[in-house]
C-alpha atoms as a PDB file:
ATOM      1  CA  MET A   1    -160.250 211.036-177.444  1.00  0.00           C
ATOM      2  CA  GLY A   2    -162.760 209.934-180.146  1.00  0.00           C
ATOM      3  CA  GLU A   3    -160.125 208.180-182.027  1.00  0.00           C
ATOM      4  CA  PRO A   4    -159.036 205.473-179.797  1.00  0.00           C
ATOM      5  CA  ASN A   5    -162.626 204.024-179.565  1.00  0.00           C
ATOM      6  CA  GLN A   6    -163.038 203.577-183.290  1.00  0.00           C
ATOM      7  CA  PRO A   7    -160.944 200.451-183.388  1.00  0.00           C
ATOM      8  CA  ARG A   8    -162.498 199.196-180.295  1.00  0.00           C
ATOM      9  CA  GLU A   9    -165.988 199.624-181.917  1.00  0.00           C
ATOM     10  CA  ALA A  10    -164.852 198.146-185.283  1.00  0.00           C
ATOM     11  CA  LEU A  11    -163.372 194.957-183.500  1.00  0.00           C
ATOM     12  CA  SER A  12    -166.431 194.931-181.407  1.00  0.00           C
ATOM     13  CA  SER A  13    -168.666 195.063-184.423  1.00  0.00           C
ATOM     14  CA  VAL A  14    -166.698 192.272-186.122  1.00  0.00           C
ATOM     15  CA  ILE A  15    -167.218 190.003-183.093  1.00  0.00           C
ATOM     16  CA  GLU A  16    -170.746 190.848-182.844  1.00  0.00           C
ATOM     17  CA  SER A  17    -171.257 189.882-186.490  1.00  0.00           C
ATOM     18  CA  GLN A  18    -169.427 186.757-186.087  1.00  0.00           C
ATOM     19  CA  GLU A  19    -171.643 185.586-183.067  1.00  0.00           C
ATOM     20  CA  THR A  20    -174.788 186.469-185.278  1.00  0.00           C
ATOM     21  CA  ILE A  21    -173.403 184.176-187.719  1.00  0.00           C
ATOM     22  CA  GLU A  22    -172.822 181.592-185.247  1.00  0.00           C
ATOM     23  CA  THR A  23    -176.347 181.946-183.475  1.00  0.00           C
ATOM     24  CA  GLN A  24    -177.916 181.910-186.976  1.00  0.00           C
ATOM     25  CA  THR A  25    -176.068 178.668-188.042  1.00  0.00           C
ATOM     26  CA  ALA A  26    -176.819 177.074-184.562  1.00  0.00           C
ATOM     27  CA  TYR A  27    -180.511 178.333-184.901  1.00  0.00           C
ATOM     28  CA  GLN A  28    -180.980 176.745-188.509  1.00  0.00           C
ATOM     29  CA  ALA A  29    -179.497 173.385-187.261  1.00  0.00           C
ATOM     30  CA  ARG A  30    -182.088 173.457-184.341  1.00  0.00           C
ATOM     31  CA  ILE A  31    -184.783 174.127-186.869  1.00  0.00           C
ATOM     32  CA  ALA A  32    -183.701 171.507-189.325  1.00  0.00           C
ATOM     33  CA  ALA A  33    -183.733 168.892-186.333  1.00  0.00           C
ATOM     34  CA  PHE A  34    -187.225 170.285-185.142  1.00  0.00           C
ATOM     35  CA  ASP A  35    -188.619 169.688-188.818  1.00  0.00           C
ATOM     36  CA  SER A  36    -187.380 166.030-188.702  1.00  0.00           C
ATOM     37  CA  ILE A  37    -188.995 165.681-185.117  1.00  0.00           C
ATOM     38  CA  VAL A  38    -192.202 167.243-186.581  1.00  0.00           C
ATOM     39  CA  ALA A  39    -192.246 164.804-189.501  1.00  0.00           C
ATOM     40  CA  TYR A  40    -191.634 161.793-187.286  1.00  0.00           C
ATOM     41  CA  VAL A  41    -194.593 162.702-185.228  1.00  0.00           C
ATOM     42  CA  LEU A  42    -196.763 163.433-188.398  1.00  0.00           C
ATOM     43  CA  ASP A  43    -195.466 159.891-189.718  1.00  0.00           C
ATOM     44  CA  ALA A  44    -196.906 158.380-186.311  1.00  0.00           C
ATOM     45  CA  LEU A  45    -200.160 160.461-186.627  1.00  0.00           C
ATOM     46  CA  GLY A  46    -200.697 159.408-190.139  1.00  0.00           C
ATOM     47  CA  HIS A  47    -200.238 155.692-189.200  1.00  0.00           C
ATOM     48  CA  ALA A  48    -202.685 156.167-186.313  1.00  0.00           C
ATOM     49  CA  HIS A  49    -205.330 157.632-188.677  1.00  0.00           C
ATOM     50  CA  LEU A  50    -204.701 154.684-191.270  1.00  0.00           C
ATOM     51  CA  TYR A  51    -205.372 152.210-188.269  1.00  0.00           C
ATOM     52  CA  GLN A  52    -208.476 154.339-187.342  1.00  0.00           C
ATOM     53  CA  GLU A  53    -209.428 153.731-191.122  1.00  0.00           C
ATOM     54  CA  GLU A  54    -209.268 157.559-191.440  1.00  0.00           C
ATOM     55  CA  PRO A  55    -207.157 157.745-194.705  1.00  0.00           C
ATOM     56  CA  ARG A  56    -207.900 161.387-195.727  1.00  0.00           C
ATOM     57  CA  LYS A  57    -206.714 162.554-192.234  1.00  0.00           C
ATOM     58  CA  ALA A  58    -203.547 160.255-193.054  1.00  0.00           C
ATOM     59  CA  ILE A  59    -203.065 161.882-196.365  1.00  0.00           C
ATOM     60  CA  ALA A  60    -202.840 165.363-194.882  1.00  0.00           C
ATOM     61  CA  CYS A  61    -200.250 164.240-192.349  1.00  0.00           C
ATOM     62  CA  PHE A  62    -198.058 162.317-194.708  1.00  0.00           C
ATOM     63  CA  LYS A  63    -198.366 165.271-197.154  1.00  0.00           C
ATOM     64  CA  GLN A  64    -197.518 168.005-194.509  1.00  0.00           C
ATOM     65  CA  ALA A  65    -194.656 165.903-193.143  1.00  0.00           C
ATOM     66  CA  LEU A  66    -193.151 165.236-196.816  1.00  0.00           C
ATOM     67  CA  ASP A  67    -193.554 169.013-197.202  1.00  0.00           C
ATOM     68  CA  SER A  68    -191.587 169.890-193.971  1.00  0.00           C
ATOM     69  CA  LEU A  69    -188.517 167.904-194.983  1.00  0.00           C
ATOM     70  CA  PRO A  70    -185.520 169.633-196.546  1.00  0.00           C
ATOM     71  CA  GLU A  71    -184.717 169.000-200.174  1.00  0.00           C
ATOM     72  CA  LYS A  72    -181.480 166.995-199.281  1.00  0.00           C
ATOM     73  CA  GLY A  73    -181.164 164.543-196.768  1.00  0.00           C
ATOM     74  CA  ALA A  74    -183.879 162.510-194.689  1.00  0.00           C
ATOM     75  CA  GLU A  75    -184.154 159.870-197.617  1.00  0.00           C
ATOM     76  CA  ALA A  76    -185.159 157.001-195.291  1.00  0.00           C
ATOM     77  CA  LEU A  77    -187.809 159.175-193.406  1.00  0.00           C
ATOM     78  CA  ARG A  78    -189.048 160.466-196.975  1.00  0.00           C
ATOM     79  CA  PHE A  79    -189.302 157.073-198.239  1.00  0.00           C
ATOM     80  CA  ASN A  80    -191.157 155.811-195.016  1.00  0.00           C
ATOM     81  CA  LEU A  81    -193.544 158.709-195.349  1.00  0.00           C
ATOM     82  CA  SER A  82    -194.171 158.014-199.122  1.00  0.00           C
ATOM     83  CA  VAL A  83    -195.149 154.393-198.166  1.00  0.00           C
ATOM     84  CA  GLY A  84    -197.516 155.618-195.791  1.00  0.00           C
ATOM     85  CA  LEU A  85    -198.901 158.043-198.270  1.00  0.00           C
ATOM     86  CA  PHE A  86    -199.174 155.175-200.558  1.00  0.00           C
ATOM     87  CA  TYR A  87    -201.200 153.263-198.297  1.00  0.00           C
ATOM     88  CA  ALA A  88    -203.820 156.164-197.489  1.00  0.00           C
ATOM     89  CA  LEU A  89    -204.062 157.048-201.201  1.00  0.00           C
ATOM     90  CA  SER A  90    -205.062 153.376-201.971  1.00  0.00           C
ATOM     91  CA  ASP A  91    -207.647 153.349-199.313  1.00  0.00           C
ATOM     92  CA  THR A  92    -209.270 156.394-200.781  1.00  0.00           C
ATOM     93  CA  GLN A  93    -209.055 155.097-204.402  1.00  0.00           C
ATOM     94  CA  GLU A  94    -206.927 158.023-205.691  1.00  0.00           C
ATOM     95  CA  PHE A  95    -205.409 155.729-208.181  1.00  0.00           C
ATOM     96  CA  ALA A  96    -203.767 158.467-210.315  1.00  0.00           C
ATOM     97  CA  GLU A  97    -201.669 159.476-207.316  1.00  0.00           C
ATOM     98  CA  VAL A  98    -200.875 155.967-206.424  1.00  0.00           C
ATOM     99  CA  ALA A  99    -199.495 155.252-209.745  1.00  0.00           C
ATOM    100  CA  GLN A 100    -197.284 158.265-209.682  1.00  0.00           C
ATOM    101  CA  LEU A 101    -196.055 157.560-206.160  1.00  0.00           C
ATOM    102  CA  THR A 102    -195.372 153.942-207.004  1.00  0.00           C
ATOM    103  CA  GLU A 103    -192.814 155.065-209.547  1.00  0.00           C
ATOM    104  CA  THR A 104    -191.366 157.412-207.223  1.00  0.00           C
ATOM    105  CA  LEU A 105    -191.076 154.578-204.611  1.00  0.00           C
ATOM    106  CA  ARG A 106    -189.598 152.107-206.950  1.00  0.00           C
ATOM    107  CA  LEU A 107    -186.957 154.466-208.026  1.00  0.00           C
ATOM    108  CA  SER A 108    -186.167 155.201-204.428  1.00  0.00           C
ATOM    109  CA  ARG A 109    -185.862 151.390-203.785  1.00  0.00           C
ATOM    110  CA  ALA A 110    -183.527 151.440-206.695  1.00  0.00           C
ATOM    111  CA  ALA A 111    -181.410 153.930-205.338  1.00  0.00           C
ATOM    112  CA  ILE A 112    -181.239 152.689-201.819  1.00  0.00           C
ATOM    113  CA  ALA A 113    -180.347 149.095-203.034  1.00  0.00           C
ATOM    114  CA  ARG A 114    -177.542 150.585-205.118  1.00  0.00           C
ATOM    115  CA  TRP A 115    -176.136 152.449-202.381  1.00  0.00           C
ATOM    116  CA  ARG A 116    -176.092 149.215-200.318  1.00  0.00           C
ATOM    117  CA  GLY A 117    -174.226 147.433-203.016  1.00  0.00           C
ATOM    118  CA  TRP A 118    -177.327 145.458-203.895  1.00  0.00           C
ATOM    119  CA  TYR A 119    -177.124 145.614-207.648  1.00  0.00           C
ATOM    120  CA  GLU A 120    -179.103 143.014-208.900  1.00  0.00           C
ATOM    121  CA  GLN A 121    -182.060 144.264-206.597  1.00  0.00           C
ATOM    122  CA  SER A 122    -181.447 147.788-207.881  1.00  0.00           C
ATOM    123  CA  ARG A 123    -181.733 146.574-211.587  1.00  0.00           C
ATOM    124  CA  HIS A 124    -184.746 144.669-210.997  1.00  0.00           C
ATOM    125  CA  HIS A 125    -186.713 147.816-209.397  1.00  0.00           C
ATOM    126  CA  LEU A 126    -185.313 150.170-212.288  1.00  0.00           C
ATOM    127  CA  GLU A 127    -186.993 146.987-214.542  1.00  0.00           C
ATOM    128  CA  LEU A 128    -190.253 147.319-212.990  1.00  0.00           C
ATOM    129  CA  VAL A 129    -190.657 151.210-213.667  1.00  0.00           C
ATOM    130  CA  GLN A 130    -192.811 151.241-216.727  1.00  0.00           C
ATOM    131  CA  ASP A 131    -194.075 154.827-216.991  1.00  0.00           C
ATOM    132  CA  ARG A 132    -192.556 156.645-219.811  1.00  0.00           C
ATOM    133  CA  ASN A 133    -192.843 159.941-217.822  1.00  0.00           C
ATOM    134  CA  ALA A 134    -190.274 158.514-215.263  1.00  0.00           C
ATOM    135  CA  GLN A 135    -187.721 157.553-218.285  1.00  0.00           C
ATOM    136  CA  GLY A 136    -185.453 160.549-217.008  1.00  0.00           C
ATOM    137  CA  PRO A 137    -184.901 159.576-213.595  1.00  0.00           C
ATOM    138  CA  VAL A 138    -184.902 155.844-214.606  1.00  0.00           C
ATOM    139  CA  GLU A 139    -181.941 156.309-216.947  1.00  0.00           C
ATOM    140  CA  VAL A 140    -180.050 158.431-214.277  1.00  0.00           C
ATOM    141  CA  GLN A 141    -180.210 155.618-211.853  1.00  0.00           C
ATOM    142  CA  ARG A 142    -179.111 153.013-214.613  1.00  0.00           C
ATOM    143  CA  THR A 143    -176.067 155.436-215.427  1.00  0.00           C
ATOM    144  CA  HIS A 144    -175.190 155.381-211.631  1.00  0.00           C
ATOM    145  CA  LEU A 145    -175.791 151.504-211.384  1.00  0.00           C
ATOM    146  CA  GLY A 146    -173.740 151.034-214.542  1.00  0.00           C
ATOM    147  CA  LEU A 147    -170.846 153.262-212.980  1.00  0.00           C
ATOM    148  CA  ASP A 148    -170.967 151.508-209.530  1.00  0.00           C
ATOM    149  CA  THR A 149    -170.793 148.086-211.048  1.00  0.00           C
ATOM    150  CA  GLN A 150    -168.104 149.281-213.579  1.00  0.00           C
ATOM    151  CA  ASP A 151    -170.229 148.247-216.470  1.00  0.00           C
ATOM    152  CA  TYR A 152    -169.270 151.489-218.376  1.00  0.00           C
ATOM    153  CA  GLN A 153    -170.899 150.184-221.715  1.00  0.00           C
ATOM    154  CA  ALA A 154    -174.338 150.215-219.945  1.00  0.00           C
ATOM    155  CA  ALA A 155    -173.620 153.624-218.479  1.00  0.00           C
ATOM    156  CA  GLU A 156    -172.931 154.982-221.791  1.00  0.00           C
ATOM    157  CA  ARG A 157    -176.126 153.376-223.099  1.00  0.00           C
ATOM    158  CA  SER A 158    -178.128 155.103-220.477  1.00  0.00           C
ATOM    159  CA  LEU A 159    -176.563 158.405-221.378  1.00  0.00           C
ATOM    160  CA  GLY A 160    -177.201 157.692-224.885  1.00  0.00           C
ATOM    161  CA  ILE A 161    -173.563 158.161-226.079  1.00  0.00           C
ATOM    162  CA  ALA A 162    -172.954 154.489-226.901  1.00  0.00           C
END
């Protein structure tokens, strides 16, 4: 009598494990959505602190929100949070961080312009990047821009193969 239950138990185990995977996937999706909501709330709170002339509190909010975002996705929210952080850092005169963030924002604007098909604007933002430390990301963006505009020679120059 013990044998007939074994297949049933095995099948039950498979069903439970599949339900567990589905439950975990749904949970992770909800957590990701919640993280975005938290980031939006922290963005609003950061701007409120800027309005109240409390830039140090604003910096904490913007940084916490940026840290809560997943590495992939949420580019628009990441850009908006970075802009808020830029203003808060400017208010506290933390110019080294402002300069580093400026380069990141310019590269982001170049990428956004390229995604929208605004190639001249993308080129302009890439030309504004002066920092030698940002040369790697600049060349990546220039390569993408060259490929998108079918300027293959420019893309090859960016890669250093022309």
